[in-house]
C-alpha atoms as a PDB file:
ATOM      1  CA  UNK A   1       0.191  -0.051  -0.340  1.00  0.00           C
ATOM      2  CA  UNK A   2       1.055   3.439  -0.616  1.00  0.00           C
ATOM      3  CA  UNK A   3       0.363   5.869   1.951  1.00  0.00           C
ATOM      4  CA  UNK A   4       1.269   9.635   1.690  1.00  0.00           C
ATOM      5  CA  UNK A   5       0.885  12.369   4.335  1.00  0.00           C
ATOM      6  CA  UNK A   6       2.130  16.074   5.048  1.00  0.00           C
ATOM      7  CA  UNK A   7       4.969  16.605   7.262  1.00  0.00           C
ATOM      8  CA  UNK A   8       5.969  19.716   6.156  1.00  0.00           C
ATOM      9  CA  UNK A   9       6.319  18.109   2.644  1.00  0.00           C
ATOM     10  CA  UNK A  10       4.914  14.815   1.308  1.00  0.00           C
ATOM     11  CA  UNK A  11       6.105  11.508   2.499  1.00  0.00           C
ATOM     12  CA  UNK A  12       5.557   8.077   0.456  1.00  0.00           C
ATOM     13  CA  UNK A  13       5.286   5.212   2.725  1.00  0.00           C
ATOM     14  CA  UNK A  14       5.376   1.869   0.844  1.00  0.00           C
ATOM     15  CA  UNK A  15       3.975  -0.527   3.104  1.00  0.00           C
ATOM     16  CA  UNK A  16       1.484  -3.610   3.979  1.00  0.00           C
ATOM     17  CA  UNK A  17       1.851  -2.953   7.709  1.00  0.00           C
ATOM     18  CA  UNK A  18      -0.706  -0.213   9.300  1.00  0.00           C
ATOM     19  CA  UNK A  19       0.688  -0.692  12.497  1.00  0.00           C
ATOM     20  CA  UNK A  20       4.192   0.019  11.173  1.00  0.00           C
ATOM     21  CA  UNK A  21       2.345   3.206   8.925  1.00  0.00           C
ATOM     22  CA  UNK A  22       0.902   4.543  11.988  1.00  0.00           C
ATOM     23  CA  UNK A  23       3.646   4.266  14.170  1.00  0.00           C
ATOM     24  CA  UNK A  24       5.959   6.506  11.369  1.00  0.00           C
ATOM     25  CA  UNK A  25       2.919   9.013  11.582  1.00  0.00           C
ATOM     26  CA  UNK A  26       2.974   9.490  15.470  1.00  0.00           C
ATOM     27  CA  UNK A  27       6.631   9.939  14.771  1.00  0.00           C
ATOM     28  CA  UNK A  28       6.115  12.594  12.016  1.00  0.00           C
ATOM     29  CA  UNK A  29       3.885  14.546  14.265  1.00  0.00           C
ATOM     30  CA  UNK A  30       6.370  14.516  17.280  1.00  0.00           C
ATOM     31  CA  UNK A  31       9.152  15.918  15.295  1.00  0.00           C
ATOM     32  CA  UNK A  32      10.094  19.463  14.769  1.00  0.00           C
ATOM     33  CA  UNK A  33       9.782  20.289  10.861  1.00  0.00           C
ATOM     34  CA  UNK A  34      11.980  19.124   8.845  1.00  0.00           C
ATOM     35  CA  UNK A  35      12.025  19.110   5.051  1.00  0.00           C
ATOM     36  CA  UNK A  36      10.633  15.618   4.063  1.00  0.00           C
ATOM     37  CA  UNK A  37       9.036  16.653   1.005  1.00  0.00           C
ATOM     38  CA  UNK A  38      10.933  13.958  -1.306  1.00  0.00           C
ATOM     39  CA  UNK A  39      10.902  11.113   1.691  1.00  0.00           C
ATOM     40  CA  UNK A  40      10.383   7.569   0.643  1.00  0.00           C
ATOM     41  CA  UNK A  41       9.988   5.014   3.315  1.00  0.00           C
ATOM     42  CA  UNK A  42      10.099   1.856   1.528  1.00  0.00           C
ATOM     43  CA  UNK A  43       8.531  -1.240   4.211  1.00  0.00           C
ATOM     44  CA  UNK A  44      10.265  -4.593   2.884  1.00  0.00           C
ATOM     45  CA  UNK A  45       7.771  -6.613   4.916  1.00  0.00           C
ATOM     46  CA  UNK A  46      10.953  -8.478   6.103  1.00  0.00           C
ATOM     47  CA  UNK A  47      11.727  -6.593   9.349  1.00  0.00           C
ATOM     48  CA  UNK A  48      13.639  -4.129   7.011  1.00  0.00           C
ATOM     49  CA  UNK A  49      12.986  -1.106   5.799  1.00  0.00           C
ATOM     50  CA  UNK A  50      14.661   2.053   3.303  1.00  0.00           C
ATOM     51  CA  UNK A  51      14.550   5.574   3.680  1.00  0.00           C
ATOM     52  CA  UNK A  52      15.448   7.733   0.994  1.00  0.00           C
ATOM     53  CA  UNK A  53      15.108  10.792  -1.578  1.00  0.00           C
ATOM     54  CA  UNK A  54      12.793  10.038  -3.790  1.00  0.00           C
ATOM     55  CA  UNK A  55      15.109  11.826  -6.295  1.00  0.00           C
ATOM     56  CA  UNK A  56      18.118   9.587  -5.267  1.00  0.00           C
ATOM     57  CA  UNK A  57      17.545   6.873  -7.526  1.00  0.00           C
ATOM     58  CA  UNK A  58      17.124   9.462 -10.847  1.00  0.00           C
ATOM     59  CA  UNK A  59      20.225  11.097  -9.784  1.00  0.00           C
ATOM     60  CA  UNK A  60      21.864   7.899  -9.677  1.00  0.00           C
ATOM     61  CA  UNK A  61      20.608   6.665 -13.088  1.00  0.00           C
ATOM     62  CA  UNK A  62      18.945   3.607 -11.254  1.00  0.00           C
ATOM     63  CA  UNK A  63      16.072   2.530 -13.484  1.00  0.00           C
ATOM     64  CA  UNK A  64      15.882  -1.196 -12.533  1.00  0.00           C
ATOM     65  CA  UNK A  65      14.987  -2.838  -9.577  1.00  0.00           C
ATOM     66  CA  UNK A  66      18.141  -4.969  -9.369  1.00  0.00           C
ATOM     67  CA  UNK A  67      20.471  -1.498  -9.077  1.00  0.00           C
ATOM     68  CA  UNK A  68      18.128   0.004  -6.940  1.00  0.00           C
ATOM     69  CA  UNK A  69      18.405  -3.068  -4.521  1.00  0.00           C
ATOM     70  CA  UNK A  70      22.281  -2.573  -4.629  1.00  0.00           C
ATOM     71  CA  UNK A  71      22.298   1.135  -4.733  1.00  0.00           C
ATOM     72  CA  UNK A  72      20.500   1.772  -1.606  1.00  0.00           C
ATOM     73  CA  UNK A  73      21.805  -0.529   0.707  1.00  0.00           C
ATOM     74  CA  UNK A  74      22.906   2.564   2.291  1.00  0.00           C
ATOM     75  CA  UNK A  75      19.440   3.678   3.076  1.00  0.00           C
ATOM     76  CA  UNK A  76      18.649   0.017   4.373  1.00  0.00           C
ATOM     77  CA  UNK A  77      17.924  -1.007   8.153  1.00  0.00           C
ATOM     78  CA  UNK A  78      16.248  -3.449  10.710  1.00  0.00           C
ATOM     79  CA  UNK A  79      12.930  -2.553  11.416  1.00  0.00           C
ATOM     80  CA  UNK A  80      13.462  -3.209  14.791  1.00  0.00           C
ATOM     81  CA  UNK A  81      15.495  -0.321  15.662  1.00  0.00           C
ATOM     82  CA  UNK A  82      14.807   2.872  18.514  1.00  0.00           C
ATOM     83  CA  UNK A  83      12.126   5.592  17.844  1.00  0.00           C
ATOM     84  CA  UNK A  84      15.203   7.844  18.049  1.00  0.00           C
ATOM     85  CA  UNK A  85      16.889   6.072  15.158  1.00  0.00           C
ATOM     86  CA  UNK A  86      13.764   6.318  13.020  1.00  0.00           C
ATOM     87  CA  UNK A  87      13.767  10.034  13.942  1.00  0.00           C
ATOM     88  CA  UNK A  88      17.256  10.266  13.180  1.00  0.00           C
ATOM     89  CA  UNK A  89      16.567   8.846   9.199  1.00  0.00           C
ATOM     90  CA  UNK A  90      13.419  10.437   8.960  1.00  0.00           C
ATOM     91  CA  UNK A  91      15.213  13.810   9.617  1.00  0.00           C
ATOM     92  CA  UNK A  92      17.209  13.162   6.262  1.00  0.00           C
ATOM     93  CA  UNK A  93      20.221  11.560   7.608  1.00  0.00           C
ATOM     94  CA  UNK A  94      21.745   8.675   5.822  1.00  0.00           C
ATOM     95  CA  UNK A  95      21.326   5.108   7.320  1.00  0.00           C
ATOM     96  CA  UNK A  96      25.077   4.010   8.038  1.00  0.00           C
ATOM     97  CA  UNK A  97      26.539   5.546   4.905  1.00  0.00           C
ATOM     98  CA  UNK A  98      30.326   5.491   5.744  1.00  0.00           C
ATOM     99  CA  UNK A  99      29.988   2.172   7.919  1.00  0.00           C
ATOM    100  CA  UNK A 100      29.643   0.078   4.882  1.00  0.00           C
ATOM    101  CA  UNK A 101      32.226  -0.339   2.235  1.00  0.00           C
ATOM    102  CA  UNK A 102      31.914   0.067  -1.639  1.00  0.00           C
ATOM    103  CA  UNK A 103      30.968  -3.611  -3.360  1.00  0.00           C
ATOM    104  CA  UNK A 104      33.552  -4.811  -5.846  1.00  0.00           C
ATOM    105  CA  UNK A 105      33.242  -5.593  -9.238  1.00  0.00           C
ATOM    106  CA  UNK A 106      33.758  -9.350  -8.107  1.00  0.00           C
ATOM    107  CA  UNK A 107      31.205  -9.079  -5.712  1.00  0.00           C
ATOM    108  CA  UNK A 108      28.477  -7.363  -7.786  1.00  0.00           C
ATOM    109  CA  UNK A 109      28.619  -9.894 -10.478  1.00  0.00           C
ATOM    110  CA  UNK A 110      28.463 -12.967  -7.400  1.00  0.00           C
ATOM    111  CA  UNK A 111      25.200 -10.640  -6.613  1.00  0.00           C
ATOM    112  CA  UNK A 112      24.019 -10.686  -9.816  1.00  0.00           C
ATOM    113  CA  UNK A 113      24.538 -14.258 -10.546  1.00  0.00           C
ATOM    114  CA  UNK A 114      22.325 -15.023  -7.410  1.00  0.00           C
ATOM    115  CA  UNK A 115      19.944 -13.068  -8.355  1.00  0.00           C
ATOM    116  CA  UNK A 116      20.028 -14.627 -12.340  1.00  0.00           C
ATOM    117  CA  UNK A 117      20.104 -11.232 -13.541  1.00  0.00           C
ATOM    118  CA  UNK A 118      23.279 -12.580 -15.462  1.00  0.00           C
ATOM    119  CA  UNK A 119      24.047 -12.936 -19.329  1.00  0.00           C
ATOM    120  CA  UNK A 120      25.982 -15.389 -20.999  1.00  0.00           C
ATOM    121  CA  UNK A 121      29.573 -14.026 -20.030  1.00  0.00           C
ATOM    122  CA  UNK A 122      28.924 -14.113 -16.392  1.00  0.00           C
ATOM    123  CA  UNK A 123      27.386 -17.503 -16.755  1.00  0.00           C
ATOM    124  CA  UNK A 124      30.903 -18.346 -18.574  1.00  0.00           C
ATOM    125  CA  UNK A 125      33.119 -16.797 -16.151  1.00  0.00           C
ATOM    126  CA  UNK A 126      31.212 -18.460 -13.510  1.00  0.00           C
ATOM    127  CA  UNK A 127      32.136 -22.034 -14.796  1.00  0.00           C
ATOM    128  CA  UNK A 128      35.556 -20.671 -15.128  1.00  0.00           C
ATOM    129  CA  UNK A 129      35.930 -19.921 -11.232  1.00  0.00           C
ATOM    130  CA  UNK A 130      36.532 -21.722  -8.571  1.00  0.00           C
ATOM    131  CA  UNK A 131      33.763 -22.425  -6.180  1.00  0.00           C
ATOM    132  CA  UNK A 132      35.166 -21.166  -3.025  1.00  0.00           C
ATOM    133  CA  UNK A 133      36.074 -18.338  -4.707  1.00  0.00           C
ATOM    134  CA  UNK A 134      32.624 -17.573  -6.192  1.00  0.00           C
ATOM    135  CA  UNK A 135      30.994 -18.118  -2.286  1.00  0.00           C
ATOM    136  CA  UNK A 136      33.629 -16.187  -0.813  1.00  0.00           C
ATOM    137  CA  UNK A 137      32.549 -13.078  -2.965  1.00  0.00           C
ATOM    138  CA  UNK A 138      28.868 -14.076  -1.922  1.00  0.00           C
ATOM    139  CA  UNK A 139      29.477 -14.023   1.208  1.00  0.00           C
ATOM    140  CA  UNK A 140      31.488 -10.966   1.198  1.00  0.00           C
ATOM    141  CA  UNK A 141      28.556  -9.075  -0.862  1.00  0.00           C
ATOM    142  CA  UNK A 142      25.829  -9.908   0.964  1.00  0.00           C
ATOM    143  CA  UNK A 143      27.640  -8.752   4.272  1.00  0.00           C
ATOM    144  CA  UNK A 144      28.263  -5.369   2.704  1.00  0.00           C
ATOM    145  CA  UNK A 145      24.425  -5.451   1.915  1.00  0.00           C
ATOM    146  CA  UNK A 146      23.637  -6.006   5.491  1.00  0.00           C
ATOM    147  CA  UNK A 147      21.829  -9.202   4.293  1.00  0.00           C
ATOM    148  CA  UNK A 148      22.064 -12.196   6.202  1.00  0.00           C
ATOM    149  CA  UNK A 149      21.428 -15.063   3.873  1.00  0.00           C
ATOM    150  CA  UNK A 150      20.709 -15.888  -0.157  1.00  0.00           C
ATOM    151  CA  UNK A 151      17.009 -15.971   0.611  1.00  0.00           C
ATOM    152  CA  UNK A 152      16.765 -12.552   2.455  1.00  0.00           C
ATOM    153  CA  UNK A 153      18.638 -11.152  -1.001  1.00  0.00           C
ATOM    154  CA  UNK A 154      15.899 -13.132  -3.061  1.00  0.00           C
ATOM    155  CA  UNK A 155      13.220 -11.873  -1.070  1.00  0.00           C
ATOM    156  CA  UNK A 156      14.413  -8.314  -1.151  1.00  0.00           C
ATOM    157  CA  UNK A 157      14.865  -8.632  -4.762  1.00  0.00           C
ATOM    158  CA  UNK A 158      11.357  -9.627  -5.359  1.00  0.00           C
ATOM    159  CA  UNK A 159       9.881  -6.854  -3.224  1.00  0.00           C
ATOM    160  CA  UNK A 160      11.709  -4.166  -4.978  1.00  0.00           C
ATOM    161  CA  UNK A 161      10.495  -5.894  -8.567  1.00  0.00           C
ATOM    162  CA  UNK A 162       6.778  -5.952  -6.776  1.00  0.00           C
ATOM    163  CA  UNK A 163       6.667  -2.181  -5.835  1.00  0.00           C
ATOM    164  CA  UNK A 164       9.010  -0.856  -8.534  1.00  0.00           C
ATOM    165  CA  UNK A 165       5.987   1.238 -10.391  1.00  0.00           C
ATOM    166  CA  UNK A 166       5.606   2.989  -6.910  1.00  0.00           C
ATOM    167  CA  UNK A 167       9.247   3.582  -6.433  1.00  0.00           C
ATOM    168  CA  UNK A 168      11.114   4.149 -10.139  1.00  0.00           C
ATOM    169  CA  UNK A 169      11.925   7.086 -11.701  1.00  0.00           C
ATOM    170  CA  UNK A 170      11.007   7.114 -15.587  1.00  0.00           C
ATOM    171  CA  UNK A 171      13.080   4.650 -17.545  1.00  0.00           C
ATOM    172  CA  UNK A 172      16.341   5.947 -19.038  1.00  0.00           C
ATOM    173  CA  UNK A 173      14.459   5.987 -22.713  1.00  0.00           C
ATOM    174  CA  UNK A 174      12.185   9.513 -22.751  1.00  0.00           C
ATOM    175  CA  UNK A 175       9.521   8.461 -20.201  1.00  0.00           C
ATOM    176  CA  UNK A 176       9.003   4.771 -21.612  1.00  0.00           C
ATOM    177  CA  UNK A 177       7.310   3.187 -18.596  1.00  0.00           C
ATOM    178  CA  UNK A 178       8.788   0.455 -16.539  1.00  0.00           C
ATOM    179  CA  UNK A 179       8.888  -2.762 -17.767  1.00  0.00           C
ATOM    180  CA  UNK A 180       7.271  -3.828 -14.321  1.00  0.00           C
ATOM    181  CA  UNK A 181       3.709  -3.778 -13.273  1.00  0.00           C
ATOM    182  CA  UNK A 182       2.500  -2.780  -9.979  1.00  0.00           C
ATOM    183  CA  UNK A 183       1.745  -6.039  -7.495  1.00  0.00           C
ATOM    184  CA  UNK A 184      -1.310  -5.311  -4.911  1.00  0.00           C
ATOM    185  CA  UNK A 185      -0.228  -1.715  -4.832  1.00  0.00           C
ATOM    186  CA  UNK A 186      -3.090   0.927  -3.592  1.00  0.00           C
ATOM    187  CA  UNK A 187      -2.668   4.341  -3.288  1.00  0.00           C
ATOM    188  CA  UNK A 188      -4.129   5.965   0.008  1.00  0.00           C
ATOM    189  CA  UNK A 189      -3.597   9.587   0.650  1.00  0.00           C
ATOM    190  CA  UNK A 190      -3.822  10.892   5.087  1.00  0.00           C
ATOM    191  CA  UNK A 191      -3.277  14.231   5.898  1.00  0.00           C
ATOM    192  CA  UNK A 192      -1.650  14.711   9.442  1.00  0.00           C
END
């Protein structure tokens, strides 16, 4: 469900959890006025969420869910953090930006192979690589993404794909619509 509400600007919340949405509204009401005009709060439904500026994807030329999953790793956090932490994130601070090292090209490749976002060259490279080396790249990449296992990675990618129409900027080809279609996304507007 997509919910938008006013807090000195418009906040877009993408969540199927009414308690989570209600809690964020209460936190936002108690906060001093901050510019949250372009804030997106994306609840994955997997005990984790992302909080980021809506222009973040477009500014960084992110036009597909897979790239967004990798790019937004510095906005990813567990939902069971303290209220002060939510207030900190809602006021525009990035989630652990400096604490997460960059993914190497091999680690990005390992994640792409795991997510089956590969082309023929990637599959050929996998066959020439030692299994332990590939496994090492997978483990390091998952750690850098803040994800505990491959199942969580698959689930997060599925959530990004399912909600992509609500999250995505225009596609790279002159406003051509995204190839991803909405899945059980309902728009509802509420004012504080």
